[in-house]
Amino acid sequence: MSSATIKEARSKRQKRIRGKISGTSERPRISVFRSNKAVYAQIIDDTTGATLAAARSGEVDAKGLNKTGVAKQVGQLLAERAKGKGVEQVVFDRSGYLYHGRVKALAEGAREGGLLF
């Protein structure tokens, strides 16, 4: 049995998740990417392949916040932009990351912003 690197293991989880969920025009998909320093999220309609809204940690005021707090603000910003485009309901794609920490904070921020998932 071969040992997989962290990136390869995440890629396998990501493919497994994406086989089960996809975004439609009624319920687009929130895709999350996190690096060591930043977090990015976008709302994608997979039927057309179009990105409807996006937000990243560089766009929020991070003064006095830890990375989890910044992720929550990114979720709220994404929800605000999605509301402007008329998106209410979404499906959440954690992109192979554990639903924990910054990924969970982003999801909670999006829910607080008014997105339903």
Protein backbone atom coordinates (compact mmCIF):
# COMPACT_ATOMS: atom_id res chain seq x y z
CA MET A 1 0.00 0.00 0.00
CA SER A 2 1.46 3.36 -1.00
CA SER A 3 1.34 6.34 1.26
CA ALA A 4 -0.27 9.42 -0.24
CA THR A 5 0.89 12.94 0.34
CA ILE A 6 -1.44 15.41 2.01
CA LYS A 7 -2.26 17.05 -1.34
CA GLU A 8 -2.98 13.71 -3.00
CA ALA A 9 -5.23 12.62 -0.13
CA ARG A 10 -7.14 15.91 -0.28
CA SER A 11 -7.48 15.56 -4.05
CA LYS A 12 -9.01 12.10 -3.63
CA ARG A 13 -11.49 13.41 -1.05
CA GLN A 14 -12.30 16.37 -3.30
CA LYS A 15 -13.10 14.11 -6.27
CA ARG A 16 -15.25 11.88 -4.08
CA ILE A 17 -17.23 14.87 -2.78
CA ARG A 18 -17.61 16.42 -6.26
CA GLY A 19 -19.05 13.15 -7.54
CA LYS A 20 -21.93 13.57 -5.13
CA ILE A 21 -22.66 17.30 -5.25
CA SER A 22 -22.83 19.87 -8.01
CA GLY A 23 -24.20 23.38 -8.30
CA THR A 24 -27.25 24.19 -10.40
CA SER A 25 -28.68 27.54 -11.37
CA GLU A 26 -31.25 27.19 -8.54
CA ARG A 27 -28.70 26.00 -5.96
CA PRO A 28 -25.13 26.92 -6.92
CA ARG A 29 -22.11 25.47 -5.13
CA ILE A 30 -19.88 27.27 -2.63
CA SER A 31 -16.32 26.12 -3.22
CA VAL A 32 -13.72 26.79 -0.52
CA PHE A 33 -9.94 26.95 -0.79
CA ARG A 34 -7.69 27.63 2.14
CA SER A 35 -3.97 28.14 2.23
CA ASN A 36 -1.79 28.71 5.27
CA LYS A 37 -2.30 32.47 5.05
CA ALA A 38 -5.58 33.06 3.22
CA VAL A 39 -9.03 31.67 2.54
CA TYR A 40 -10.97 31.97 -0.71
CA ALA A 41 -14.57 31.11 -1.56
CA GLN A 42 -16.65 31.30 -4.68
CA ILE A 43 -20.19 30.49 -5.72
CA ILE A 44 -20.27 28.42 -8.90
CA ASP A 45 -23.07 27.36 -11.26
CA ASP A 46 -21.75 24.04 -12.58
CA THR A 47 -24.30 23.81 -15.41
CA THR A 48 -22.78 26.85 -17.12
CA GLY A 49 -19.37 26.77 -15.42
CA ALA A 50 -19.80 30.38 -14.31
CA THR A 51 -18.61 31.95 -11.08
CA LEU A 52 -21.49 34.02 -9.69
CA ALA A 53 -19.73 35.57 -6.68
CA ALA A 54 -16.37 35.34 -4.97
CA ALA A 55 -14.66 36.59 -1.82
CA ARG A 56 -11.19 36.28 -0.34
CA SER A 57 -9.50 37.11 2.92
CA GLY A 58 -7.53 39.97 1.37
CA GLU A 59 -10.79 41.89 0.89
CA VAL A 60 -11.87 41.98 4.55
CA ASP A 61 -10.58 44.07 7.43
CA ALA A 62 -8.48 41.60 9.41
CA LYS A 63 -7.32 44.03 12.06
CA GLY A 64 -7.33 42.29 15.44
CA LEU A 65 -8.77 39.01 14.09
CA ASN A 66 -7.30 35.54 13.94
CA LYS A 67 -7.56 33.43 10.77
CA THR A 68 -10.85 31.87 11.89
CA GLY A 69 -12.41 35.29 12.43
CA VAL A 70 -11.24 36.41 9.01
CA ALA A 71 -12.78 33.28 7.44
CA LYS A 72 -16.11 34.11 9.08
CA GLN A 73 -16.00 37.62 7.60
CA VAL A 74 -15.20 36.15 4.18
CA GLY A 75 -18.34 34.01 4.48
CA GLN A 76 -20.43 37.05 5.35
CA LEU A 77 -18.97 39.02 2.44
CA LEU A 78 -19.67 36.13 0.07
CA ALA A 79 -23.28 35.92 1.29
CA GLU A 80 -23.72 39.65 0.78
CA ARG A 81 -22.44 39.43 -2.79
CA ALA A 82 -24.58 36.36 -3.49
CA LYS A 83 -27.69 38.15 -2.22
CA GLY A 84 -26.90 40.97 -4.66
CA LYS A 85 -26.94 38.41 -7.49
CA GLY A 86 -30.24 36.92 -6.28
CA VAL A 87 -28.79 33.69 -4.85
CA GLU A 88 -30.53 32.45 -1.69
CA GLN A 89 -29.88 28.68 -1.53
CA VAL A 90 -26.55 26.96 -2.12
CA VAL A 91 -24.78 23.64 -1.61
CA PHE A 92 -21.54 23.67 0.38
CA ASP A 93 -18.43 22.05 -1.10
CA ARG A 94 -15.70 21.81 1.53
CA SER A 95 -13.20 20.78 -1.19
CA GLY A 96 -11.69 17.88 0.71
CA TYR A 97 -10.98 19.87 3.87
CA LEU A 98 -12.38 18.84 7.23
CA TYR A 99 -15.50 20.75 8.25
CA HIS A 100 -13.59 22.31 11.12
CA GLY A 101 -11.85 25.57 11.95
CA ARG A 102 -11.69 28.06 9.09
CA VAL A 103 -13.91 26.05 6.74
CA LYS A 104 -16.60 25.80 9.40
CA ALA A 105 -16.24 29.51 10.27
CA LEU A 106 -16.67 30.47 6.61
CA ALA A 107 -19.83 28.35 6.39
CA GLU A 108 -21.24 29.89 9.58
CA GLY A 109 -20.48 33.39 8.29
CA ALA A 110 -22.30 32.62 5.04
CA ARG A 111 -25.30 31.33 7.00
CA GLU A 112 -25.32 34.46 9.15
CA GLY A 113 -25.23 36.50 5.93
CA GLY A 114 -28.48 34.84 4.86
CA LEU A 115 -27.49 31.92 2.63
CA LEU A 116 -29.42 28.68 3.16
CA PHE A 117 -27.60 25.33 3.08
